[in-house]
Amino acid sequence: MPLKTKKELPDMPAIARNWAKYKGTSLNAISRKLKKSSNYLHSNLRTRDVRPSVLLALSDFLGENLFEYYLELLPEHVRPTAREKELLKEIEALKKELKRVGEERDKYWEKIGK
């Protein structure tokens, strides 16, 4: 299910500026630290449709996952990553094991109580 309009995309320029400010820096300073011209990030963040490479560099530098803002736009069934799906399967297996052990414990205490 594709996105309907670009209006649905997060306002990444504002988000990036806010994170930079929160981290005590600016987009110009980050651009220079990325060994780019000082207006590199400003020019690449002009639209809300940001290139993944720019988002990756910003996320790495700021220590924040800026891709997360896009995940909220995805339908629920495609949000989990492969690793998350794997972990969910492990959690379900552990829940089943815990239930089984609890049932065994209850049987044990029932027999002891007699």
PDB file of N, CA and C in Angstrom:
ATOM      1  N   MET A   1       0.847  -1.171   0.000  1.00  0.00           N
ATOM      2  CA  MET A   1       0.000   0.000   0.000  1.00  0.00           C
ATOM      3  C   MET A   1       0.893   1.235   0.000  1.00  0.00           C
ATOM      4  N   PRO A   2       1.052   1.902  -1.108  1.00  0.00           N
ATOM      5  CA  PRO A   2       1.941   3.063  -1.174  1.00  0.00           C
ATOM      6  C   PRO A   2       1.366   4.258  -0.415  1.00  0.00           C
ATOM      7  N   LEU A   3       2.262   5.164  -0.043  1.00  0.00           N
ATOM      8  CA  LEU A   3       1.824   6.385   0.621  1.00  0.00           C
ATOM      9  C   LEU A   3       0.995   7.207  -0.354  1.00  0.00           C
ATOM     10  N   LYS A   4      -0.038   7.862   0.162  1.00  0.00           N
ATOM     11  CA  LYS A   4      -0.940   8.613  -0.703  1.00  0.00           C
ATOM     12  C   LYS A   4      -0.307   9.905  -1.193  1.00  0.00           C
ATOM     13  N   THR A   5       0.288  10.656  -0.296  1.00  0.00           N
ATOM     14  CA  THR A   5       0.890  11.937  -0.678  1.00  0.00           C
ATOM     15  C   THR A   5       2.144  12.163   0.136  1.00  0.00           C
ATOM     16  N   LYS A   6       2.956  13.103  -0.337  1.00  0.00           N
ATOM     17  CA  LYS A   6       4.156  13.455   0.411  1.00  0.00           C
ATOM     18  C   LYS A   6       3.811  14.177   1.709  1.00  0.00           C
ATOM     19  N   LYS A   7       2.590  14.716   1.812  1.00  0.00           N
ATOM     20  CA  LYS A   7       2.185  15.402   3.031  1.00  0.00           C
ATOM     21  C   LYS A   7       2.199  14.468   4.225  1.00  0.00           C
ATOM     22  N   GLU A   8       2.083  13.168   3.959  1.00  0.00           N
ATOM     23  CA  GLU A   8       2.078  12.197   5.041  1.00  0.00           C
ATOM     24  C   GLU A   8       3.481  11.956   5.613  1.00  0.00           C
ATOM     25  N   LEU A   9       4.497  12.327   4.853  1.00  0.00           N
ATOM     26  CA  LEU A   9       5.863  12.102   5.322  1.00  0.00           C
ATOM     27  C   LEU A   9       6.189  13.048   6.473  1.00  0.00           C
ATOM     28  N   PRO A  10       7.039  12.600   7.400  1.00  0.00           N
ATOM     29  CA  PRO A  10       7.408  13.468   8.521  1.00  0.00           C
ATOM     30  C   PRO A  10       8.180  14.695   8.050  1.00  0.00           C
ATOM     31  N   ASP A  11       8.092  15.747   8.811  1.00  0.00           N
ATOM     32  CA  ASP A  11       8.803  16.983   8.496  1.00  0.00           C
ATOM     33  C   ASP A  11      10.255  16.819   8.945  1.00  0.00           C
ATOM     34  N   MET A  12      11.015  16.084   8.144  1.00  0.00           N
ATOM     35  CA  MET A  12      12.383  15.734   8.523  1.00  0.00           C
ATOM     36  C   MET A  12      13.294  16.944   8.693  1.00  0.00           C
ATOM     37  N   PRO A  13      13.155  18.011   7.904  1.00  0.00           N
ATOM     38  CA  PRO A  13      14.002  19.175   8.167  1.00  0.00           C
ATOM     39  C   PRO A  13      13.814  19.703   9.595  1.00  0.00           C
ATOM     40  N   ALA A  14      12.580  19.819  10.022  1.00  0.00           N
ATOM     41  CA  ALA A  14      12.305  20.317  11.380  1.00  0.00           C
ATOM     42  C   ALA A  14      12.777  19.318  12.428  1.00  0.00           C
ATOM     43  N   ILE A  15      12.544  18.045  12.175  1.00  0.00           N
ATOM     44  CA  ILE A  15      12.966  17.003  13.122  1.00  0.00           C
ATOM     45  C   ILE A  15      14.489  17.028  13.270  1.00  0.00           C
ATOM     46  N   ALA A  16      15.198  17.098  12.157  1.00  0.00           N
ATOM     47  CA  ALA A  16      16.665  17.106  12.192  1.00  0.00           C
ATOM     48  C   ALA A  16      17.185  18.351  12.912  1.00  0.00           C
ATOM     49  N   ARG A  17      16.599  19.510  12.613  1.00  0.00           N
ATOM     50  CA  ARG A  17      17.021  20.744  13.300  1.00  0.00           C
ATOM     51  C   ARG A  17      16.789  20.635  14.806  1.00  0.00           C
ATOM     52  N   ASN A  18      15.632  20.087  15.191  1.00  0.00           N
ATOM     53  CA  ASN A  18      15.322  19.953  16.619  1.00  0.00           C
ATOM     54  C   ASN A  18      16.284  19.000  17.320  1.00  0.00           C
ATOM     55  N   TRP A  19      16.589  17.869  16.669  1.00  0.00           N
ATOM     56  CA  TRP A  19      17.540  16.922  17.274  1.00  0.00           C
ATOM     57  C   TRP A  19      18.932  17.540  17.376  1.00  0.00           C
ATOM     58  N   ALA A  20      19.336  18.254  16.342  1.00  0.00           N
ATOM     59  CA  ALA A  20      20.654  18.899  16.361  1.00  0.00           C
ATOM     60  C   ALA A  20      20.710  19.909  17.505  1.00  0.00           C
ATOM     61  N   LYS A  21      19.674  20.711  17.633  1.00  0.00           N
ATOM     62  CA  LYS A  21      19.616  21.705  18.709  1.00  0.00           C
ATOM     63  C   LYS A  21      19.650  21.015  20.070  1.00  0.00           C
ATOM     64  N   TYR A  22      18.882  19.928  20.208  1.00  0.00           N
ATOM     65  CA  TYR A  22      18.847  19.169  21.459  1.00  0.00           C
ATOM     66  C   TYR A  22      20.233  18.610  21.805  1.00  0.00           C
ATOM     67  N   LYS A  23      20.971  18.212  20.777  1.00  0.00           N
ATOM     68  CA  LYS A  23      22.316  17.653  20.978  1.00  0.00           C
ATOM     69  C   LYS A  23      23.379  18.747  21.087  1.00  0.00           C
ATOM     70  N   GLY A  24      22.951  20.008  21.016  1.00  0.00           N
ATOM     71  CA  GLY A  24      23.883  21.128  21.192  1.00  0.00           C
ATOM     72  C   GLY A  24      24.721  21.444  19.972  1.00  0.00           C
ATOM     73  N   THR A  25      24.165  21.218  18.796  1.00  0.00           N
ATOM     74  CA  THR A  25      24.899  21.508  17.569  1.00  0.00           C
ATOM     75  C   THR A  25      23.931  22.093  16.543  1.00  0.00           C
ATOM     76  N   SER A  26      24.379  22.226  15.326  1.00  0.00           N
ATOM     77  CA  SER A  26      23.527  22.737  14.251  1.00  0.00           C
ATOM     78  C   SER A  26      23.715  21.870  13.018  1.00  0.00           C
ATOM     79  N   LEU A  27      22.808  22.002  12.064  1.00  0.00           N
ATOM     80  CA  LEU A  27      22.945  21.247  10.821  1.00  0.00           C
ATOM     81  C   LEU A  27      24.186  21.677  10.051  1.00  0.00           C
ATOM     82  N   ASN A  28      24.537  22.956  10.129  1.00  0.00           N
ATOM     83  CA  ASN A  28      25.768  23.425   9.470  1.00  0.00           C
ATOM     84  C   ASN A  28      26.991  22.755  10.076  1.00  0.00           C
ATOM     85  N   ALA A  29      27.044  22.687  11.396  1.00  0.00           N
ATOM     86  CA  ALA A  29      28.185  22.061  12.078  1.00  0.00           C
ATOM     87  C   ALA A  29      28.266  20.573  11.737  1.00  0.00           C
ATOM     88  N   ILE A  30      27.116  19.912  11.699  1.00  0.00           N
ATOM     89  CA  ILE A  30      27.101  18.482  11.356  1.00  0.00           C
ATOM     90  C   ILE A  30      27.577  18.291   9.918  1.00  0.00           C
ATOM     91  N   SER A  31      27.123  19.149   9.020  1.00  0.00           N
ATOM     92  CA  SER A  31      27.561  19.065   7.617  1.00  0.00           C
ATOM     93  C   SER A  31      29.077  19.143   7.522  1.00  0.00           C
ATOM     94  N   ARG A  32      29.655  20.093   8.235  1.00  0.00           N
ATOM     95  CA  ARG A  32      31.122  20.241   8.204  1.00  0.00           C
ATOM     96  C   ARG A  32      31.811  19.014   8.806  1.00  0.00           C
ATOM     97  N   LYS A  33      31.248  18.467   9.882  1.00  0.00           N
ATOM     98  CA  LYS A  33      31.851  17.270  10.492  1.00  0.00           C
ATOM     99  C   LYS A  33      31.733  16.056   9.575  1.00  0.00           C
ATOM    100  N   LEU A  34      30.730  16.074   8.706  1.00  0.00           N
ATOM    101  CA  LEU A  34      30.585  15.006   7.715  1.00  0.00           C
ATOM    102  C   LEU A  34      31.487  15.244   6.500  1.00  0.00           C
ATOM    103  N   LYS A  35      32.312  16.295   6.607  1.00  0.00           N
ATOM    104  CA  LYS A  35      33.251  16.683   5.547  1.00  0.00           C
ATOM    105  C   LYS A  35      32.517  17.085   4.262  1.00  0.00           C
ATOM    106  N   LYS A  36      31.424  17.811   4.453  1.00  0.00           N
ATOM    107  CA  LYS A  36      30.631  18.337   3.347  1.00  0.00           C
ATOM    108  C   LYS A  36      30.564  19.846   3.500  1.00  0.00           C
ATOM    109  N   SER A  37      30.000  20.516   2.501  1.00  0.00           N
ATOM    110  CA  SER A  37      29.832  21.964   2.611  1.00  0.00           C
ATOM    111  C   SER A  37      28.838  22.267   3.730  1.00  0.00           C
ATOM    112  N   SER A  38      28.930  23.471   4.288  1.00  0.00           N
ATOM    113  CA  SER A  38      28.109  23.791   5.461  1.00  0.00           C
ATOM    114  C   SER A  38      26.616  23.774   5.166  1.00  0.00           C
ATOM    115  N   ASN A  39      26.212  23.919   3.909  1.00  0.00           N
ATOM    116  CA  ASN A  39      24.784  23.881   3.598  1.00  0.00           C
ATOM    117  C   ASN A  39      24.333  22.516   3.058  1.00  0.00           C
ATOM    118  N   TYR A  40      25.190  21.510   3.148  1.00  0.00           N
ATOM    119  CA  TYR A  40      24.897  20.167   2.631  1.00  0.00           C
ATOM    120  C   TYR A  40      23.587  19.616   3.187  1.00  0.00           C
ATOM    121  N   LEU A  41      23.441  19.601   4.503  1.00  0.00           N
ATOM    122  CA  LEU A  41      22.223  19.042   5.098  1.00  0.00           C
ATOM    123  C   LEU A  41      21.008  19.901   4.797  1.00  0.00           C
ATOM    124  N   HIS A  42      21.165  21.206   4.841  1.00  0.00           N
ATOM    125  CA  HIS A  42      20.033  22.081   4.527  1.00  0.00           C
ATOM    126  C   HIS A  42      19.519  21.812   3.115  1.00  0.00           C
ATOM    127  N   SER A  43      20.435  21.674   2.172  1.00  0.00           N
ATOM    128  CA  SER A  43      20.002  21.448   0.784  1.00  0.00           C
ATOM    129  C   SER A  43      19.413  20.051   0.607  1.00  0.00           C
ATOM    130  N   ASN A  44      19.904  19.070   1.353  1.00  0.00           N
ATOM    131  CA  ASN A  44      19.382  17.707   1.236  1.00  0.00           C
ATOM    132  C   ASN A  44      18.115  17.488   2.040  1.00  0.00           C
ATOM    133  N   LEU A  45      17.819  18.377   2.949  1.00  0.00           N
ATOM    134  CA  LEU A  45      16.604  18.253   3.758  1.00  0.00           C
ATOM    135  C   LEU A  45      15.509  19.212   3.289  1.00  0.00           C
ATOM    136  N   ARG A  46      15.689  19.817   2.135  1.00  0.00           N
ATOM    137  CA  ARG A  46      14.717  20.787   1.633  1.00  0.00           C
ATOM    138  C   ARG A  46      13.312  20.212   1.548  1.00  0.00           C
ATOM    139  N   THR A  47      13.217  18.990   1.087  1.00  0.00           N
ATOM    140  CA  THR A  47      11.906  18.348   0.989  1.00  0.00           C
ATOM    141  C   THR A  47      11.780  17.321   2.098  1.00  0.00           C
ATOM    142  N   ARG A  48      10.578  16.857   2.296  1.00  0.00           N
ATOM    143  CA  ARG A  48      10.367  15.826   3.321  1.00  0.00           C
ATOM    144  C   ARG A  48      10.803  14.452   2.817  1.00  0.00           C
ATOM    145  N   ASP A  49      11.053  14.332   1.543  1.00  0.00           N
ATOM    146  CA  ASP A  49      11.460  13.070   0.936  1.00  0.00           C
ATOM    147  C   ASP A  49      12.990  12.997   0.950  1.00  0.00           C
ATOM    148  N   VAL A  50      13.544  12.635   2.089  1.00  0.00           N
ATOM    149  CA  VAL A  50      14.989  12.661   2.325  1.00  0.00           C
ATOM    150  C   VAL A  50      15.642  11.367   1.848  1.00  0.00           C
ATOM    151  N   ARG A  51      16.829  11.488   1.254  1.00  0.00           N
ATOM    152  CA  ARG A  51      17.576  10.306   0.815  1.00  0.00           C
ATOM    153  C   ARG A  51      18.002   9.479   2.033  1.00  0.00           C
ATOM    154  N   PRO A  52      17.922   8.166   1.920  1.00  0.00           N
ATOM    155  CA  PRO A  52      18.329   7.302   3.039  1.00  0.00           C
ATOM    156  C   PRO A  52      19.770   7.532   3.488  1.00  0.00           C
ATOM    157  N   SER A  53      20.678   7.822   2.543  1.00  0.00           N
ATOM    158  CA  SER A  53      22.081   8.027   2.922  1.00  0.00           C
ATOM    159  C   SER A  53      22.233   9.242   3.834  1.00  0.00           C
ATOM    160  N   VAL A  54      21.449  10.286   3.577  1.00  0.00           N
ATOM    161  CA  VAL A  54      21.493  11.483   4.421  1.00  0.00           C
ATOM    162  C   VAL A  54      20.914  11.160   5.790  1.00  0.00           C
ATOM    163  N   LEU A  55      19.806  10.446   5.790  1.00  0.00           N
ATOM    164  CA  LEU A  55      19.167  10.057   7.051  1.00  0.00           C
ATOM    165  C   LEU A  55      20.076   9.147   7.873  1.00  0.00           C
ATOM    166  N   LEU A  56      20.769   8.257   7.197  1.00  0.00           N
ATOM    167  CA  LEU A  56      21.700   7.359   7.870  1.00  0.00           C
ATOM    168  C   LEU A  56      22.851   8.129   8.506  1.00  0.00           C
ATOM    169  N   ALA A  57      23.414   9.067   7.764  1.00  0.00           N
ATOM    170  CA  ALA A  57      24.515   9.879   8.294  1.00  0.00           C
ATOM    171  C   ALA A  57      24.054  10.711   9.491  1.00  0.00           C
ATOM    172  N   LEU A  58      22.875  11.314   9.378  1.00  0.00           N
ATOM    173  CA  LEU A  58      22.336  12.110  10.487  1.00  0.00           C
ATOM    174  C   LEU A  58      22.052  11.242  11.707  1.00  0.00           C
ATOM    175  N   SER A  59      21.440  10.094  11.480  1.00  0.00           N
ATOM    176  CA  SER A  59      21.129   9.174  12.584  1.00  0.00           C
ATOM    177  C   SER A  59      22.396   8.753  13.303  1.00  0.00           C
ATOM    178  N   ASP A  60      23.414   8.430  12.524  1.00  0.00           N
ATOM    179  CA  ASP A  60      24.684   8.007  13.103  1.00  0.00           C
ATOM    180  C   ASP A  60      25.316   9.136  13.904  1.00  0.00           C
ATOM    181  N   PHE A  61      25.367  10.317  13.338  1.00  0.00           N
ATOM    182  CA  PHE A  61      26.010  11.436  14.013  1.00  0.00           C
ATOM    183  C   PHE A  61      25.257  11.851  15.272  1.00  0.00           C
ATOM    184  N   LEU A  62      23.920  11.911  15.189  1.00  0.00           N
ATOM    185  CA  LEU A  62      23.117  12.354  16.328  1.00  0.00           C
ATOM    186  C   LEU A  62      22.883  11.254  17.359  1.00  0.00           C
ATOM    187  N   GLY A  63      23.137  10.009  16.953  1.00  0.00           N
ATOM    188  CA  GLY A  63      22.907   8.889  17.869  1.00  0.00           C
ATOM    189  C   GLY A  63      21.419   8.634  18.092  1.00  0.00           C
ATOM    190  N   GLU A  64      20.618   8.957  17.093  1.00  0.00           N
ATOM    191  CA  GLU A  64      19.164   8.770  17.166  1.00  0.00           C
ATOM    192  C   GLU A  64      18.697   8.111  15.876  1.00  0.00           C
ATOM    193  N   ASN A  65      17.724   7.214  15.979  1.00  0.00           N
ATOM    194  CA  ASN A  65      17.197   6.537  14.806  1.00  0.00           C
ATOM    195  C   ASN A  65      16.132   7.412  14.139  1.00  0.00           C
ATOM    196  N   LEU A  66      16.527   8.170  13.140  1.00  0.00           N
ATOM    197  CA  LEU A  66      15.588   9.052  12.455  1.00  0.00           C
ATOM    198  C   LEU A  66      14.682   8.296  11.486  1.00  0.00           C
ATOM    199  N   PHE A  67      15.009   7.050  11.185  1.00  0.00           N
ATOM    200  CA  PHE A  67      14.150   6.226  10.336  1.00  0.00           C
ATOM    201  C   PHE A  67      12.852   5.872  11.063  1.00  0.00           C
ATOM    202  N   GLU A  68      12.903   5.915  12.383  1.00  0.00           N
ATOM    203  CA  GLU A  68      11.741   5.557  13.200  1.00  0.00           C
ATOM    204  C   GLU A  68      10.513   6.399  12.852  1.00  0.00           C
ATOM    205  N   TYR A  69      10.726   7.642  12.456  1.00  0.00           N
ATOM    206  CA  TYR A  69       9.613   8.514  12.107  1.00  0.00           C
ATOM    207  C   TYR A  69       8.863   8.001  10.886  1.00  0.00           C
ATOM    208  N   TYR A  70       9.557   7.269  10.025  1.00  0.00           N
ATOM    209  CA  TYR A  70       8.922   6.709   8.832  1.00  0.00           C
ATOM    210  C   TYR A  70       8.224   5.388   9.136  1.00  0.00           C
ATOM    211  N   LEU A  71       8.709   4.665  10.129  1.00  0.00           N
ATOM    212  CA  LEU A  71       8.107   3.384  10.467  1.00  0.00           C
ATOM    213  C   LEU A  71       6.646   3.532  10.868  1.00  0.00           C
ATOM    214  N   GLU A  72       6.308   4.621  11.516  1.00  0.00           N
ATOM    215  CA  GLU A  72       4.940   4.851  11.942  1.00  0.00           C
ATOM    216  C   GLU A  72       3.973   4.927  10.757  1.00  0.00           C
ATOM    217  N   LEU A  73       4.483   5.244   9.577  1.00  0.00           N
ATOM    218  CA  LEU A  73       3.640   5.351   8.389  1.00  0.00           C
ATOM    219  C   LEU A  73       3.334   3.993   7.768  1.00  0.00           C
ATOM    220  N   LEU A  74       4.127   2.996   8.126  1.00  0.00           N
ATOM    221  CA  LEU A  74       3.932   1.668   7.541  1.00  0.00           C
ATOM    222  C   LEU A  74       2.748   0.953   8.195  1.00  0.00           C
ATOM    223  N   PRO A  75       2.077   0.104   7.419  1.00  0.00           N
ATOM    224  CA  PRO A  75       1.021  -0.711   8.023  1.00  0.00           C
ATOM    225  C   PRO A  75       1.625  -1.618   9.096  1.00  0.00           C
ATOM    226  N   GLU A  76       0.840  -1.939  10.084  1.00  0.00           N
ATOM    227  CA  GLU A  76       1.295  -2.716  11.244  1.00  0.00           C
ATOM    228  C   GLU A  76       2.012  -4.015  10.842  1.00  0.00           C
ATOM    229  N   HIS A  77       1.484  -4.715   9.837  1.00  0.00           N
ATOM    230  CA  HIS A  77       2.038  -6.027   9.487  1.00  0.00           C
ATOM    231  C   HIS A  77       3.409  -5.969   8.821  1.00  0.00           C
ATOM    232  N   VAL A  78       3.857  -4.810   8.371  1.00  0.00           N
ATOM    233  CA  VAL A  78       5.184  -4.735   7.755  1.00  0.00           C
ATOM    234  C   VAL A  78       6.192  -3.969   8.602  1.00  0.00           C
ATOM    235  N   ARG A  79       5.786  -3.484   9.760  1.00  0.00           N
ATOM    236  CA  ARG A  79       6.701  -2.725  10.620  1.00  0.00           C
ATOM    237  C   ARG A  79       7.833  -3.550  11.205  1.00  0.00           C
ATOM    238  N   PRO A  80       7.554  -4.740  11.744  1.00  0.00           N
ATOM    239  CA  PRO A  80       8.657  -5.462  12.394  1.00  0.00           C
ATOM    240  C   PRO A  80       9.758  -5.852  11.414  1.00  0.00           C
ATOM    241  N   THR A  81      10.985  -5.724  11.866  1.00  0.00           N
ATOM    242  CA  THR A  81      12.130  -6.149  11.060  1.00  0.00           C
ATOM    243  C   THR A  81      12.267  -7.662  11.173  1.00  0.00           C
ATOM    244  N   ALA A  82      13.128  -8.232  10.364  1.00  0.00           N
ATOM    245  CA  ALA A  82      13.349  -9.679  10.407  1.00  0.00           C
ATOM    246  C   ALA A  82      13.816 -10.100  11.798  1.00  0.00           C
ATOM    247  N   ARG A  83      14.684  -9.325  12.414  1.00  0.00           N
ATOM    248  CA  ARG A  83      15.188  -9.642  13.756  1.00  0.00           C
ATOM    249  C   ARG A  83      14.062  -9.564  14.784  1.00  0.00           C
ATOM    250  N   GLU A  84      13.196  -8.561  14.663  1.00  0.00           N
ATOM    251  CA  GLU A  84      12.069  -8.447  15.584  1.00  0.00           C
ATOM    252  C   GLU A  84      11.126  -9.643  15.447  1.00  0.00           C
ATOM    253  N   LYS A  85      10.879 -10.081  14.204  1.00  0.00           N
ATOM    254  CA  LYS A  85      10.022 -11.248  13.980  1.00  0.00           C
ATOM    255  C   LYS A  85      10.633 -12.491  14.619  1.00  0.00           C
ATOM    256  N   GLU A  86      11.938 -12.625  14.474  1.00  0.00           N
ATOM    257  CA  GLU A  86      12.652 -13.755  15.075  1.00  0.00           C
ATOM    258  C   GLU A  86      12.515 -13.721  16.601  1.00  0.00           C
ATOM    259  N   LEU A  87      12.695 -12.542  17.178  1.00  0.00           N
ATOM    260  CA  LEU A  87      12.580 -12.399  18.630  1.00  0.00           C
ATOM    261  C   LEU A  87      11.153 -12.659  19.113  1.00  0.00           C
ATOM    262  N   LEU A  88      10.168 -12.235  18.337  1.00  0.00           N
ATOM    263  CA  LEU A  88       8.774 -12.500  18.709  1.00  0.00           C
ATOM    264  C   LEU A  88       8.488 -13.999  18.737  1.00  0.00           C
ATOM    265  N   LYS A  89       9.054 -14.737  17.775  1.00  0.00           N
ATOM    266  CA  LYS A  89       8.896 -16.196  17.770  1.00  0.00           C
ATOM    267  C   LYS A  89       9.548 -16.804  19.011  1.00  0.00           C
ATOM    268  N   GLU A  90      10.734 -16.308  19.367  1.00  0.00           N
ATOM    269  CA  GLU A  90      11.415 -16.800  20.565  1.00  0.00           C
ATOM    270  C   GLU A  90      10.590 -16.500  21.819  1.00  0.00           C
ATOM    271  N   ILE A  91      10.007 -15.316  21.877  1.00  0.00           N
ATOM    272  CA  ILE A  91       9.180 -14.931  23.026  1.00  0.00           C
ATOM    273  C   ILE A  91       7.982 -15.866  23.139  1.00  0.00           C
ATOM    274  N   GLU A  92       7.334 -16.162  22.014  1.00  0.00           N
ATOM    275  CA  GLU A  92       6.184 -17.064  22.036  1.00  0.00           C
ATOM    276  C   GLU A  92       6.591 -18.457  22.513  1.00  0.00           C
ATOM    277  N   ALA A  93       7.741 -18.947  22.039  1.00  0.00           N
ATOM    278  CA  ALA A  93       8.226 -20.265  22.472  1.00  0.00           C
ATOM    279  C   ALA A  93       8.502 -20.260  23.973  1.00  0.00           C
ATOM    280  N   LEU A  94       9.100 -19.187  24.475  1.00  0.00           N
ATOM    281  CA  LEU A  94       9.379 -19.092  25.910  1.00  0.00           C
ATOM    282  C   LEU A  94       8.095 -18.999  26.730  1.00  0.00           C
ATOM    283  N   LYS A  95       7.091 -18.311  26.219  1.00  0.00           N
ATOM    284  CA  LYS A  95       5.805 -18.233  26.915  1.00  0.00           C
ATOM    285  C   LYS A  95       5.164 -19.611  27.025  1.00  0.00           C
ATOM    286  N   LYS A  96       5.238 -20.386  25.930  1.00  0.00           N
ATOM    287  CA  LYS A  96       4.691 -21.745  25.943  1.00  0.00           C
ATOM    288  C   LYS A  96       5.439 -22.607  26.951  1.00  0.00           C
ATOM    289  N   GLU A  97       6.763 -22.478  26.969  1.00  0.00           N
ATOM    290  CA  GLU A  97       7.577 -23.247  27.923  1.00  0.00           C
ATOM    291  C   GLU A  97       7.243 -22.856  29.358  1.00  0.00           C
ATOM    292  N   LEU A  98       7.072 -21.567  29.603  1.00  0.00           N
ATOM    293  CA  LEU A  98       6.719 -21.082  30.934  1.00  0.00           C
ATOM    294  C   LEU A  98       5.359 -21.619  31.365  1.00  0.00           C
ATOM    295  N   LYS A  99       4.419 -21.635  30.438  1.00  0.00           N
ATOM    296  CA  LYS A  99       3.090 -22.168  30.749  1.00  0.00           C
ATOM    297  C   LYS A  99       3.182 -23.658  31.095  1.00  0.00           C
ATOM    298  N   ARG A 100       3.965 -24.398  30.304  1.00  0.00           N
ATOM    299  CA  ARG A 100       4.137 -25.836  30.542  1.00  0.00           C
ATOM    300  C   ARG A 100       4.764 -26.085  31.915  1.00  0.00           C
ATOM    301  N   VAL A 101       5.810 -25.330  32.246  1.00  0.00           N
ATOM    302  CA  VAL A 101       6.483 -25.482  33.540  1.00  0.00           C
ATOM    303  C   VAL A 101       5.522 -25.124  34.673  1.00  0.00           C
ATOM    304  N   GLY A 102       4.726 -24.076  34.477  1.00  0.00           N
ATOM    305  CA  GLY A 102       3.740 -23.690  35.491  1.00  0.00           C
ATOM    306  C   GLY A 102       2.713 -24.779  35.720  1.00  0.00           C
ATOM    307  N   GLU A 103       2.272 -25.419  34.652  1.00  0.00           N
ATOM    308  CA  GLU A 103       1.314 -26.516  34.774  1.00  0.00           C
ATOM    309  C   GLU A 103       1.934 -27.701  35.509  1.00  0.00           C
ATOM    310  N   GLU A 104       3.195 -28.010  35.190  1.00  0.00           N
ATOM    311  CA  GLU A 104       3.898 -29.091  35.895  1.00  0.00           C
ATOM    312  C   GLU A 104       4.021 -28.771  37.381  1.00  0.00           C
ATOM    313  N   ARG A 105       4.366 -27.536  37.699  1.00  0.00           N
ATOM    314  CA  ARG A 105       4.487 -27.103  39.091  1.00  0.00           C
ATOM    315  C   ARG A 105       3.163 -27.255  39.819  1.00  0.00           C
ATOM    316  N   ASP A 106       2.084 -26.833  39.170  1.00  0.00           N
ATOM    317  CA  ASP A 106       0.766 -26.937  39.787  1.00  0.00           C
ATOM    318  C   ASP A 106       0.402 -28.394  40.067  1.00  0.00           C
ATOM    319  N   LYS A 107       0.717 -29.296  39.108  1.00  0.00           N
ATOM    320  CA  LYS A 107       0.454 -30.730  39.311  1.00  0.00           C
ATOM    321  C   LYS A 107       1.274 -31.250  40.491  1.00  0.00           C
ATOM    322  N   TYR A 108       2.530 -30.831  40.556  1.00  0.00           N
ATOM    323  CA  TYR A 108       3.414 -31.244  41.643  1.00  0.00           C
ATOM    324  C   TYR A 108       2.840 -30.817  42.990  1.00  0.00           C
ATOM    325  N   TRP A 109       2.453 -29.549  43.123  1.00  0.00           N
ATOM    326  CA  TRP A 109       1.931 -29.040  44.389  1.00  0.00           C
ATOM    327  C   TRP A 109       0.588 -29.680  44.726  1.00  0.00           C
ATOM    328  N   GLU A 110      -0.163 -30.016  43.701  1.00  0.00           N
ATOM    329  CA  GLU A 110      -1.438 -30.700  43.931  1.00  0.00           C
ATOM    330  C   GLU A 110      -1.206 -32.077  44.538  1.00  0.00           C
ATOM    331  N   LYS A 111      -0.193 -32.801  44.041  1.00  0.00           N
ATOM    332  CA  LYS A 111       0.112 -34.139  44.560  1.00  0.00           C
ATOM    333  C   LYS A 111       0.699 -34.060  45.952  1.00  0.00           C
ATOM    334  N   ILE A 112       1.534 -33.073  46.217  1.00  0.00           N
ATOM    335  CA  ILE A 112       2.136 -32.919  47.530  1.00  0.00           C
ATOM    336  C   ILE A 112       1.077 -32.558  48.566  1.00  0.00           C
ATOM    337  N   GLY A 113       0.113 -31.776  48.155  1.00  0.00           N
ATOM    338  CA  GLY A 113      -0.941 -31.333  49.066  1.00  0.00           C
ATOM    339  C   GLY A 113      -1.878 -32.428  49.489  1.00  0.00           C
ATOM    340  N   LYS A 114      -1.898 -33.547  48.784  1.00  0.00           N
ATOM    341  CA  LYS A 114      -2.818 -34.642  49.127  1.00  0.00           C
ATOM    342  C   LYS A 114      -2.333 -35.449  50.285  1.00  0.00           C
TER     343      LYS A 114
END
